[in-house]
Amino acid sequence: MNARLVPASLFAVAIGLSAAVPAQAAEHQVVVEKYAFSPMELRIKRGDTVTWVNNEKRVSHSVLLIGRNEESERFFPGEKWSRAFPEAGRFEYRCGPHPEMLGVVIVAE
């Protein structure tokens, strides 16, 4: 076996592996204030995380994913709740105790 070929073949394998590693996931924030989610529509990439931050003065909220049977616990003023989105799709949500509060996370590939 030629010693010069071994390092070159290892280098080729290393390049192939690094190309397959996905980009680092990003974090996004939705502010909950004045009985509204802001932004109301958020577009993210698969694998990103969204954190909802309650900036109200006295009211607790939750995030209820419509049609997915998933709801956060209530989070109070100054508290937050996060969720990663590992799959692409449209995730409509509302506040559990305040159904008039609506939002959507759109996850692209």
PDB file of N, CA and C in Angstrom:
ATOM      1  N   MET A   1       0.841  -1.187   0.000  1.00  0.00           N
ATOM      2  CA  MET A   1       0.000   0.000   0.000  1.00  0.00           C
ATOM      3  C   MET A   1       0.880   1.242   0.000  1.00  0.00           C
ATOM      4  N   ASN A   2       0.514   2.200  -0.791  1.00  0.00           N
ATOM      5  CA  ASN A   2       1.294   3.415  -0.899  1.00  0.00           C
ATOM      6  C   ASN A   2       0.930   4.361   0.241  1.00  0.00           C
ATOM      7  N   ALA A   3       1.905   4.790   1.028  1.00  0.00           N
ATOM      8  CA  ALA A   3       1.666   5.650   2.192  1.00  0.00           C
ATOM      9  C   ALA A   3       1.115   7.009   1.782  1.00  0.00           C
ATOM     10  N   ARG A   4       1.405   7.451   0.580  1.00  0.00           N
ATOM     11  CA  ARG A   4       0.915   8.756   0.129  1.00  0.00           C
ATOM     12  C   ARG A   4      -0.588   8.734  -0.149  1.00  0.00           C
ATOM     13  N   LEU A   5      -1.143   7.599  -0.494  1.00  0.00           N
ATOM     14  CA  LEU A   5      -2.563   7.510  -0.803  1.00  0.00           C
ATOM     15  C   LEU A   5      -3.436   7.496   0.451  1.00  0.00           C
ATOM     16  N   VAL A   6      -2.956   6.980   1.524  1.00  0.00           N
ATOM     17  CA  VAL A   6      -3.761   6.880   2.744  1.00  0.00           C
ATOM     18  C   VAL A   6      -4.178   8.257   3.258  1.00  0.00           C
ATOM     19  N   PRO A   7      -3.250   9.203   3.450  1.00  0.00           N
ATOM     20  CA  PRO A   7      -3.681  10.515   3.930  1.00  0.00           C
ATOM     21  C   PRO A   7      -4.637  11.210   2.958  1.00  0.00           C
ATOM     22  N   ALA A   8      -4.402  11.056   1.665  1.00  0.00           N
ATOM     23  CA  ALA A   8      -5.287  11.693   0.686  1.00  0.00           C
ATOM     24  C   ALA A   8      -6.692  11.118   0.771  1.00  0.00           C
ATOM     25  N   SER A   9      -6.823   9.797   0.935  1.00  0.00           N
ATOM     26  CA  SER A   9      -8.148   9.192   1.017  1.00  0.00           C
ATOM     27  C   SER A   9      -8.834   9.585   2.314  1.00  0.00           C
ATOM     28  N   LEU A  10      -8.088   9.705   3.408  1.00  0.00           N
ATOM     29  CA  LEU A  10      -8.678  10.169   4.667  1.00  0.00           C
ATOM     30  C   LEU A  10      -9.169  11.604   4.536  1.00  0.00           C
ATOM     31  N   PHE A  11      -8.395  12.423   3.833  1.00  0.00           N
ATOM     32  CA  PHE A  11      -8.804  13.803   3.612  1.00  0.00           C
ATOM     33  C   PHE A  11     -10.104  13.870   2.821  1.00  0.00           C
ATOM     34  N   ALA A  12     -10.263  13.031   1.815  1.00  0.00           N
ATOM     35  CA  ALA A  12     -11.486  13.003   1.005  1.00  0.00           C
ATOM     36  C   ALA A  12     -12.678  12.590   1.845  1.00  0.00           C
ATOM     37  N   VAL A  13     -12.494  11.628   2.736  1.00  0.00           N
ATOM     38  CA  VAL A  13     -13.582  11.198   3.621  1.00  0.00           C
ATOM     39  C   VAL A  13     -13.967  12.326   4.559  1.00  0.00           C
ATOM     40  N   ALA A  14     -12.984  13.024   5.119  1.00  0.00           N
ATOM     41  CA  ALA A  14     -13.259  14.130   6.040  1.00  0.00           C
ATOM     42  C   ALA A  14     -14.046  15.240   5.351  1.00  0.00           C
ATOM     43  N   ILE A  15     -13.712  15.549   4.115  1.00  0.00           N
ATOM     44  CA  ILE A  15     -14.445  16.575   3.377  1.00  0.00           C
ATOM     45  C   ILE A  15     -15.892  16.136   3.161  1.00  0.00           C
ATOM     46  N   GLY A  16     -16.106  14.887   2.789  1.00  0.00           N
ATOM     47  CA  GLY A  16     -17.461  14.376   2.581  1.00  0.00           C
ATOM     48  C   GLY A  16     -18.290  14.442   3.851  1.00  0.00           C
ATOM     49  N   LEU A  17     -17.705  14.142   4.983  1.00  0.00           N
ATOM     50  CA  LEU A  17     -18.441  14.176   6.246  1.00  0.00           C
ATOM     51  C   LEU A  17     -18.787  15.596   6.649  1.00  0.00           C
ATOM     52  N   SER A  18     -17.879  16.536   6.455  1.00  0.00           N
ATOM     53  CA  SER A  18     -18.163  17.909   6.867  1.00  0.00           C
ATOM     54  C   SER A  18     -19.267  18.522   6.010  1.00  0.00           C
ATOM     55  N   ALA A  19     -19.397  18.118   4.771  1.00  0.00           N
ATOM     56  CA  ALA A  19     -20.447  18.651   3.911  1.00  0.00           C
ATOM     57  C   ALA A  19     -21.822  18.157   4.346  1.00  0.00           C
ATOM     58  N   ALA A  20     -21.885  17.006   5.035  1.00  0.00           N
ATOM     59  CA  ALA A  20     -23.160  16.431   5.440  1.00  0.00           C
ATOM     60  C   ALA A  20     -23.679  16.999   6.764  1.00  0.00           C
ATOM     61  N   VAL A  21     -22.848  17.726   7.497  1.00  0.00           N
ATOM     62  CA  VAL A  21     -23.250  18.275   8.789  1.00  0.00           C
ATOM     63  C   VAL A  21     -24.169  19.477   8.553  1.00  0.00           C
ATOM     64  N   PRO A  22     -25.390  19.487   9.155  1.00  0.00           N
ATOM     65  CA  PRO A  22     -26.294  20.612   8.939  1.00  0.00           C
ATOM     66  C   PRO A  22     -25.794  21.872   9.629  1.00  0.00           C
ATOM     67  N   ALA A  23     -26.272  22.998   9.147  1.00  0.00           N
ATOM     68  CA  ALA A  23     -25.922  24.278   9.761  1.00  0.00           C
ATOM     69  C   ALA A  23     -26.463  24.323  11.182  1.00  0.00           C
ATOM     70  N   GLN A  24     -25.847  25.132  12.016  1.00  0.00           N
ATOM     71  CA  GLN A  24     -26.264  25.242  13.410  1.00  0.00           C
ATOM     72  C   GLN A  24     -27.673  25.828  13.491  1.00  0.00           C
ATOM     73  N   ALA A  25     -28.489  25.274  14.372  1.00  0.00           N
ATOM     74  CA  ALA A  25     -29.864  25.732  14.550  1.00  0.00           C
ATOM     75  C   ALA A  25     -29.866  27.138  15.158  1.00  0.00           C
ATOM     76  N   ALA A  26     -30.862  27.914  14.781  1.00  0.00           N
ATOM     77  CA  ALA A  26     -31.007  29.276  15.287  1.00  0.00           C
ATOM     78  C   ALA A  26     -32.086  29.317  16.367  1.00  0.00           C
ATOM     79  N   GLU A  27     -32.050  30.367  17.162  1.00  0.00           N
ATOM     80  CA  GLU A  27     -33.072  30.591  18.182  1.00  0.00           C
ATOM     81  C   GLU A  27     -33.844  31.849  17.822  1.00  0.00           C
ATOM     82  N   HIS A  28     -35.169  31.782  17.993  1.00  0.00           N
ATOM     83  CA  HIS A  28     -36.051  32.896  17.666  1.00  0.00           C
ATOM     84  C   HIS A  28     -36.905  33.220  18.883  1.00  0.00           C
ATOM     85  N   GLN A  29     -37.403  34.438  18.936  1.00  0.00           N
ATOM     86  CA  GLN A  29     -38.202  34.855  20.089  1.00  0.00           C
ATOM     87  C   GLN A  29     -39.543  35.417  19.645  1.00  0.00           C
ATOM     88  N   VAL A  30     -40.583  35.036  20.380  1.00  0.00           N
ATOM     89  CA  VAL A  30     -41.915  35.609  20.205  1.00  0.00           C
ATOM     90  C   VAL A  30     -42.270  36.281  21.528  1.00  0.00           C
ATOM     91  N   VAL A  31     -42.608  37.548  21.468  1.00  0.00           N
ATOM     92  CA  VAL A  31     -42.971  38.305  22.667  1.00  0.00           C
ATOM     93  C   VAL A  31     -44.481  38.203  22.872  1.00  0.00           C
ATOM     94  N   VAL A  32     -44.879  37.948  24.113  1.00  0.00           N
ATOM     95  CA  VAL A  32     -46.298  37.897  24.477  1.00  0.00           C
ATOM     96  C   VAL A  32     -46.577  39.148  25.296  1.00  0.00           C
ATOM     97  N   GLU A  33     -47.396  40.042  24.702  1.00  0.00           N
ATOM     98  CA  GLU A  33     -47.647  41.325  25.349  1.00  0.00           C
ATOM     99  C   GLU A  33     -48.951  41.909  24.816  1.00  0.00           C
ATOM    100  N   LYS A  34     -49.718  42.518  25.711  1.00  0.00           N
ATOM    101  CA  LYS A  34     -50.997  43.135  25.346  1.00  0.00           C
ATOM    102  C   LYS A  34     -51.918  42.116  24.674  1.00  0.00           C
ATOM    103  N   TYR A  35     -51.926  40.891  25.218  1.00  0.00           N
ATOM    104  CA  TYR A  35     -52.775  39.808  24.722  1.00  0.00           C
ATOM    105  C   TYR A  35     -52.541  39.525  23.237  1.00  0.00           C
ATOM    106  N   ALA A  36     -51.262  39.526  22.829  1.00  0.00           N
ATOM    107  CA  ALA A  36     -50.919  39.237  21.432  1.00  0.00           C
ATOM    108  C   ALA A  36     -49.534  38.604  21.364  1.00  0.00           C
ATOM    109  N   PHE A  37     -49.314  37.802  20.306  1.00  0.00           N
ATOM    110  CA  PHE A  37     -48.002  37.233  20.012  1.00  0.00           C
ATOM    111  C   PHE A  37     -47.329  38.124  18.974  1.00  0.00           C
ATOM    112  N   SER A  38     -46.059  38.455  19.193  1.00  0.00           N
ATOM    113  CA  SER A  38     -45.347  39.306  18.249  1.00  0.00           C
ATOM    114  C   SER A  38     -43.947  38.744  18.000  1.00  0.00           C
ATOM    115  N   PRO A  39     -43.630  38.351  16.769  1.00  0.00           N
ATOM    116  CA  PRO A  39     -44.492  38.448  15.599  1.00  0.00           C
ATOM    117  C   PRO A  39     -45.587  37.375  15.628  1.00  0.00           C
ATOM    118  N   MET A  40     -46.681  37.678  14.966  1.00  0.00           N
ATOM    119  CA  MET A  40     -47.795  36.734  14.903  1.00  0.00           C
ATOM    120  C   MET A  40     -47.466  35.576  13.953  1.00  0.00           C
ATOM    121  N   GLU A  41     -46.670  35.850  12.921  1.00  0.00           N
ATOM    122  CA  GLU A  41     -46.209  34.817  11.987  1.00  0.00           C
ATOM    123  C   GLU A  41     -44.694  34.815  12.002  1.00  0.00           C
ATOM    124  N   LEU A  42     -44.122  33.633  12.229  1.00  0.00           N
ATOM    125  CA  LEU A  42     -42.673  33.495  12.303  1.00  0.00           C
ATOM    126  C   LEU A  42     -42.241  32.399  11.344  1.00  0.00           C
ATOM    127  N   ARG A  43     -41.285  32.715  10.470  1.00  0.00           N
ATOM    128  CA  ARG A  43     -40.738  31.736   9.524  1.00  0.00           C
ATOM    129  C   ARG A  43     -39.338  31.344   9.993  1.00  0.00           C
ATOM    130  N   ILE A  44     -39.138  30.042  10.152  1.00  0.00           N
ATOM    131  CA  ILE A  44     -37.866  29.534  10.648  1.00  0.00           C
ATOM    132  C   ILE A  44     -37.428  28.349   9.797  1.00  0.00           C
ATOM    133  N   LYS A  45     -36.243  27.814  10.100  1.00  0.00           N
ATOM    134  CA  LYS A  45     -35.750  26.625   9.415  1.00  0.00           C
ATOM    135  C   LYS A  45     -35.911  25.409  10.327  1.00  0.00           C
ATOM    136  N   ARG A  46     -35.990  24.254   9.705  1.00  0.00           N
ATOM    137  CA  ARG A  46     -36.102  23.002  10.446  1.00  0.00           C
ATOM    138  C   ARG A  46     -34.935  22.900  11.419  1.00  0.00           C
ATOM    139  N   GLY A  47     -35.239  22.547  12.677  1.00  0.00           N
ATOM    140  CA  GLY A  47     -34.226  22.416  13.711  1.00  0.00           C
ATOM    141  C   GLY A  47     -34.082  23.637  14.596  1.00  0.00           C
ATOM    142  N   ASP A  48     -34.669  24.766  14.183  1.00  0.00           N
ATOM    143  CA  ASP A  48     -34.595  25.978  14.989  1.00  0.00           C
ATOM    144  C   ASP A  48     -35.482  25.866  16.232  1.00  0.00           C
ATOM    145  N   THR A  49     -35.232  26.731  17.193  1.00  0.00           N
ATOM    146  CA  THR A  49     -35.999  26.787  18.436  1.00  0.00           C
ATOM    147  C   THR A  49     -36.701  28.134  18.539  1.00  0.00           C
ATOM    148  N   VAL A  50     -37.936  28.101  19.040  1.00  0.00           N
ATOM    149  CA  VAL A  50     -38.694  29.325  19.292  1.00  0.00           C
ATOM    150  C   VAL A  50     -38.908  29.436  20.805  1.00  0.00           C
ATOM    151  N   THR A  51     -38.677  30.630  21.338  1.00  0.00           N
ATOM    152  CA  THR A  51     -38.919  30.907  22.749  1.00  0.00           C
ATOM    153  C   THR A  51     -39.967  31.999  22.848  1.00  0.00           C
ATOM    154  N   TRP A  52     -41.049  31.695  23.566  1.00  0.00           N
ATOM    155  CA  TRP A  52     -42.098  32.667  23.840  1.00  0.00           C
ATOM    156  C   TRP A  52     -41.794  33.299  25.190  1.00  0.00           C
ATOM    157  N   VAL A  53     -41.787  34.635  25.242  1.00  0.00           N
ATOM    158  CA  VAL A  53     -41.454  35.372  26.456  1.00  0.00           C
ATOM    159  C   VAL A  53     -42.678  36.187  26.885  1.00  0.00           C
ATOM    160  N   ASN A  54     -43.124  35.978  28.114  1.00  0.00           N
ATOM    161  CA  ASN A  54     -44.299  36.691  28.629  1.00  0.00           C
ATOM    162  C   ASN A  54     -43.866  38.042  29.194  1.00  0.00           C
ATOM    163  N   ASN A  55     -44.231  39.115  28.488  1.00  0.00           N
ATOM    164  CA  ASN A  55     -43.916  40.475  28.922  1.00  0.00           C
ATOM    165  C   ASN A  55     -45.136  41.187  29.504  1.00  0.00           C
ATOM    166  N   GLU A  56     -46.176  40.423  29.837  1.00  0.00           N
ATOM    167  CA  GLU A  56     -47.361  41.023  30.460  1.00  0.00           C
ATOM    168  C   GLU A  56     -47.017  41.464  31.877  1.00  0.00           C
ATOM    169  N   LYS A  57     -47.911  42.247  32.474  1.00  0.00           N
ATOM    170  CA  LYS A  57     -47.683  42.693  33.856  1.00  0.00           C
ATOM    171  C   LYS A  57     -48.303  41.753  34.875  1.00  0.00           C
ATOM    172  N   ARG A  58     -49.463  41.128  34.537  1.00  0.00           N
ATOM    173  CA  ARG A  58     -50.157  40.316  35.536  1.00  0.00           C
ATOM    174  C   ARG A  58     -50.782  39.031  35.006  1.00  0.00           C
ATOM    175  N   VAL A  59     -50.634  38.721  33.728  1.00  0.00           N
ATOM    176  CA  VAL A  59     -51.410  37.648  33.113  1.00  0.00           C
ATOM    177  C   VAL A  59     -50.508  36.484  32.687  1.00  0.00           C
ATOM    178  N   SER A  60     -50.976  35.246  32.939  1.00  0.00           N
ATOM    179  CA  SER A  60     -50.250  34.072  32.456  1.00  0.00           C
ATOM    180  C   SER A  60     -50.810  33.650  31.097  1.00  0.00           C
ATOM    181  N   HIS A  61     -49.966  32.983  30.324  1.00  0.00           N
ATOM    182  CA  HIS A  61     -50.351  32.504  28.996  1.00  0.00           C
ATOM    183  C   HIS A  61     -49.800  31.097  28.797  1.00  0.00           C
ATOM    184  N   SER A  62     -50.230  30.461  27.727  1.00  0.00           N
ATOM    185  CA  SER A  62     -49.651  29.188  27.299  1.00  0.00           C
ATOM    186  C   SER A  62     -49.593  29.192  25.781  1.00  0.00           C
ATOM    187  N   VAL A  63     -48.921  28.192  25.231  1.00  0.00           N
ATOM    188  CA  VAL A  63     -48.860  28.003  23.785  1.00  0.00           C
ATOM    189  C   VAL A  63     -49.488  26.647  23.504  1.00  0.00           C
ATOM    190  N   LEU A  64     -50.627  26.668  22.816  1.00  0.00           N
ATOM    191  CA  LEU A  64     -51.368  25.457  22.460  1.00  0.00           C
ATOM    192  C   LEU A  64     -51.245  25.255  20.955  1.00  0.00           C
ATOM    193  N   LEU A  65     -50.533  24.188  20.548  1.00  0.00           N
ATOM    194  CA  LEU A  65     -50.386  23.891  19.124  1.00  0.00           C
ATOM    195  C   LEU A  65     -51.691  23.268  18.628  1.00  0.00           C
ATOM    196  N   ILE A  66     -52.370  23.972  17.751  1.00  0.00           N
ATOM    197  CA  ILE A  66     -53.687  23.569  17.264  1.00  0.00           C
ATOM    198  C   ILE A  66     -53.569  22.296  16.430  1.00  0.00           C
ATOM    199  N   GLY A  67     -54.385  21.311  16.752  1.00  0.00           N
ATOM    200  CA  GLY A  67     -54.415  20.053  16.015  1.00  0.00           C
ATOM    201  C   GLY A  67     -53.289  19.092  16.353  1.00  0.00           C
ATOM    202  N   ARG A  68     -52.461  19.415  17.310  1.00  0.00           N
ATOM    203  CA  ARG A  68     -51.324  18.558  17.650  1.00  0.00           C
ATOM    204  C   ARG A  68     -51.371  18.063  19.090  1.00  0.00           C
ATOM    205  N   ASN A  69     -52.401  18.466  19.830  1.00  0.00           N
ATOM    206  CA  ASN A  69     -52.588  17.991  21.198  1.00  0.00           C
ATOM    207  C   ASN A  69     -51.349  18.249  22.062  1.00  0.00           C
ATOM    208  N   GLU A  70     -50.761  19.419  21.899  1.00  0.00           N
ATOM    209  CA  GLU A  70     -49.573  19.797  22.670  1.00  0.00           C
ATOM    210  C   GLU A  70     -49.773  21.211  23.202  1.00  0.00           C
ATOM    211  N   GLU A  71     -49.602  21.374  24.499  1.00  0.00           N
ATOM    212  CA  GLU A  71     -49.729  22.694  25.117  1.00  0.00           C
ATOM    213  C   GLU A  71     -48.643  22.862  26.162  1.00  0.00           C
ATOM    214  N   SER A  72     -48.069  24.046  26.188  1.00  0.00           N
ATOM    215  CA  SER A  72     -47.082  24.356  27.220  1.00  0.00           C
ATOM    216  C   SER A  72     -47.800  24.516  28.557  1.00  0.00           C
ATOM    217  N   GLU A  73     -47.043  24.491  29.627  1.00  0.00           N
ATOM    218  CA  GLU A  73     -47.603  24.893  30.907  1.00  0.00           C
ATOM    219  C   GLU A  73     -47.776  26.405  30.841  1.00  0.00           C
ATOM    220  N   ARG A  74     -48.614  26.940  31.703  1.00  0.00           N
ATOM    221  CA  ARG A  74     -48.756  28.396  31.738  1.00  0.00           C
ATOM    222  C   ARG A  74     -47.444  29.020  32.187  1.00  0.00           C
ATOM    223  N   PHE A  75     -47.102  30.110  31.531  1.00  0.00           N
ATOM    224  CA  PHE A  75     -45.917  30.843  31.958  1.00  0.00           C
ATOM    225  C   PHE A  75     -46.337  32.261  32.309  1.00  0.00           C
ATOM    226  N   PHE A  76     -45.823  32.717  33.416  1.00  0.00           N
ATOM    227  CA  PHE A  76     -46.248  33.962  34.048  1.00  0.00           C
ATOM    228  C   PHE A  76     -45.341  35.118  33.622  1.00  0.00           C
ATOM    229  N   PRO A  77     -45.709  36.358  33.961  1.00  0.00           N
ATOM    230  CA  PRO A  77     -44.879  37.510  33.584  1.00  0.00           C
ATOM    231  C   PRO A  77     -43.411  37.305  33.958  1.00  0.00           C
ATOM    232  N   GLY A  78     -42.549  37.562  32.983  1.00  0.00           N
ATOM    233  CA  GLY A  78     -41.115  37.383  33.170  1.00  0.00           C
ATOM    234  C   GLY A  78     -40.633  35.974  32.876  1.00  0.00           C
ATOM    235  N   GLU A  79     -41.539  35.035  32.669  1.00  0.00           N
ATOM    236  CA  GLU A  79     -41.162  33.665  32.358  1.00  0.00           C
ATOM    237  C   GLU A  79     -41.215  33.425  30.854  1.00  0.00           C
ATOM    238  N   LYS A  80     -40.643  32.285  30.445  1.00  0.00           N
ATOM    239  CA  LYS A  80     -40.630  31.942  29.018  1.00  0.00           C
ATOM    240  C   LYS A  80     -40.778  30.444  28.840  1.00  0.00           C
ATOM    241  N   TRP A  81     -41.103  30.060  27.595  1.00  0.00           N
ATOM    242  CA  TRP A  81     -41.233  28.652  27.228  1.00  0.00           C
ATOM    243  C   TRP A  81     -40.643  28.476  25.839  1.00  0.00           C
ATOM    244  N   SER A  82     -39.889  27.394  25.644  1.00  0.00           N
ATOM    245  CA  SER A  82     -39.219  27.148  24.367  1.00  0.00           C
ATOM    246  C   SER A  82     -39.612  25.797  23.795  1.00  0.00           C
ATOM    247  N   ARG A  83     -39.560  25.717  22.468  1.00  0.00           N
ATOM    248  CA  ARG A  83     -39.822  24.466  21.759  1.00  0.00           C
ATOM    249  C   ARG A  83     -38.982  24.436  20.496  1.00  0.00           C
ATOM    250  N   ALA A  84     -38.337  23.295  20.246  1.00  0.00           N
ATOM    251  CA  ALA A  84     -37.599  23.083  19.000  1.00  0.00           C
ATOM    252  C   ALA A  84     -38.571  22.559  17.946  1.00  0.00           C
ATOM    253  N   PHE A  85     -38.292  22.855  16.690  1.00  0.00           N
ATOM    254  CA  PHE A  85     -39.125  22.418  15.570  1.00  0.00           C
ATOM    255  C   PHE A  85     -38.268  21.581  14.625  1.00  0.00           C
ATOM    256  N   PRO A  86     -38.178  20.257  14.878  1.00  0.00           N
ATOM    257  CA  PRO A  86     -37.319  19.395  14.074  1.00  0.00           C
ATOM    258  C   PRO A  86     -37.903  19.008  12.717  1.00  0.00           C
ATOM    259  N   GLU A  87     -39.176  19.298  12.480  1.00  0.00           N
ATOM    260  CA  GLU A  87     -39.787  18.917  11.207  1.00  0.00           C
ATOM    261  C   GLU A  87     -40.388  20.137  10.515  1.00  0.00           C
ATOM    262  N   ALA A  88     -40.396  20.083   9.197  1.00  0.00           N
ATOM    263  CA  ALA A  88     -40.971  21.176   8.409  1.00  0.00           C
ATOM    264  C   ALA A  88     -42.493  21.127   8.506  1.00  0.00           C
ATOM    265  N   GLY A  89     -43.129  22.280   8.326  1.00  0.00           N
ATOM    266  CA  GLY A  89     -44.581  22.333   8.337  1.00  0.00           C
ATOM    267  C   GLY A  89     -45.099  23.659   8.858  1.00  0.00           C
ATOM    268  N   ARG A  90     -46.408  23.713   8.956  1.00  0.00           N
ATOM    269  CA  ARG A  90     -47.097  24.909   9.441  1.00  0.00           C
ATOM    270  C   ARG A  90     -47.663  24.566  10.818  1.00  0.00           C
ATOM    271  N   PHE A  91     -47.270  25.314  11.839  1.00  0.00           N
ATOM    272  CA  PHE A  91     -47.664  25.054  13.213  1.00  0.00           C
ATOM    273  C   PHE A  91     -48.477  26.245  13.726  1.00  0.00           C
ATOM    274  N   GLU A  92     -49.795  26.132  13.594  1.00  0.00           N
ATOM    275  CA  GLU A  92     -50.663  27.183  14.108  1.00  0.00           C
ATOM    276  C   GLU A  92     -50.837  26.975  15.607  1.00  0.00           C
ATOM    277  N   TYR A  93     -50.915  28.063  16.337  1.00  0.00           N
ATOM    278  CA  TYR A  93     -51.063  27.956  17.778  1.00  0.00           C
ATOM    279  C   TYR A  93     -51.931  29.090  18.306  1.00  0.00           C
ATOM    280  N   ARG A  94     -52.359  28.908  19.542  1.00  0.00           N
ATOM    281  CA  ARG A  94     -53.122  29.940  20.235  1.00  0.00           C
ATOM    282  C   ARG A  94     -52.765  29.860  21.703  1.00  0.00           C
ATOM    283  N   CYS A  95     -53.184  30.849  22.447  1.00  0.00           N
ATOM    284  CA  CYS A  95     -53.013  30.830  23.894  1.00  0.00           C
ATOM    285  C   CYS A  95     -54.128  29.963  24.473  1.00  0.00           C
ATOM    286  N   GLY A  96     -53.797  29.020  25.345  1.00  0.00           N
ATOM    287  CA  GLY A  96     -54.802  28.147  25.951  1.00  0.00           C
ATOM    288  C   GLY A  96     -55.907  28.911  26.662  1.00  0.00           C
ATOM    289  N   PRO A  97     -55.572  29.789  27.622  1.00  0.00           N
ATOM    290  CA  PRO A  97     -56.615  30.514  28.338  1.00  0.00           C
ATOM    291  C   PRO A  97     -57.210  31.693  27.562  1.00  0.00           C
ATOM    292  N   HIS A  98     -56.575  32.110  26.474  1.00  0.00           N
ATOM    293  CA  HIS A  98     -57.049  33.261  25.693  1.00  0.00           C
ATOM    294  C   HIS A  98     -57.088  32.876  24.215  1.00  0.00           C
ATOM    295  N   PRO A  99     -58.128  32.152  23.776  1.00  0.00           N
ATOM    296  CA  PRO A  99     -58.169  31.614  22.406  1.00  0.00           C
ATOM    297  C   PRO A  99     -58.169  32.664  21.298  1.00  0.00           C
ATOM    298  N   GLU A 100     -58.409  33.908  21.630  1.00  0.00           N
ATOM    299  CA  GLU A 100     -58.370  34.966  20.611  1.00  0.00           C
ATOM    300  C   GLU A 100     -56.929  35.319  20.226  1.00  0.00           C
ATOM    301  N   MET A 101     -55.962  34.883  21.030  1.00  0.00           N
ATOM    302  CA  MET A 101     -54.544  35.129  20.739  1.00  0.00           C
ATOM    303  C   MET A 101     -54.053  34.028  19.802  1.00  0.00           C
ATOM    304  N   LEU A 102     -53.724  34.400  18.566  1.00  0.00           N
ATOM    305  CA  LEU A 102     -53.331  33.427  17.543  1.00  0.00           C
ATOM    306  C   LEU A 102     -51.929  33.719  17.007  1.00  0.00           C
ATOM    307  N   GLY A 103     -51.263  32.660  16.579  1.00  0.00           N
ATOM    308  CA  GLY A 103     -49.958  32.791  15.951  1.00  0.00           C
ATOM    309  C   GLY A 103     -49.668  31.583  15.086  1.00  0.00           C
ATOM    310  N   VAL A 104     -48.595  31.667  14.307  1.00  0.00           N
ATOM    311  CA  VAL A 104     -48.190  30.539  13.473  1.00  0.00           C
ATOM    312  C   VAL A 104     -46.674  30.546  13.320  1.00  0.00           C
ATOM    313  N   VAL A 105     -46.097  29.340  13.378  1.00  0.00           N
ATOM    314  CA  VAL A 105     -44.685  29.136  13.070  1.00  0.00           C
ATOM    315  C   VAL A 105     -44.639  28.320  11.792  1.00  0.00           C
ATOM    316  N   ILE A 106     -43.966  28.839  10.784  1.00  0.00           N
ATOM    317  CA  ILE A 106     -43.828  28.150   9.506  1.00  0.00           C
ATOM    318  C   ILE A 106     -42.387  27.676   9.405  1.00  0.00           C
ATOM    319  N   VAL A 107     -42.217  26.358   9.332  1.00  0.00           N
ATOM    320  CA  VAL A 107     -40.891  25.751   9.338  1.00  0.00           C
ATOM    321  C   VAL A 107     -40.546  25.256   7.934  1.00  0.00           C
ATOM    322  N   ALA A 108     -39.509  25.836   7.359  1.00  0.00           N
ATOM    323  CA  ALA A 108     -39.049  25.434   6.019  1.00  0.00           C
ATOM    324  C   ALA A 108     -37.969  24.377   6.155  1.00  0.00           C
ATOM    325  N   GLU A 109     -37.760  23.644   5.079  1.00  0.00           N
ATOM    326  CA  GLU A 109     -36.703  22.601   5.059  1.00  0.00           C
ATOM    327  C   GLU A 109     -35.374  23.191   5.313  1.00  0.00           C
TER     328      GLU A 109
END
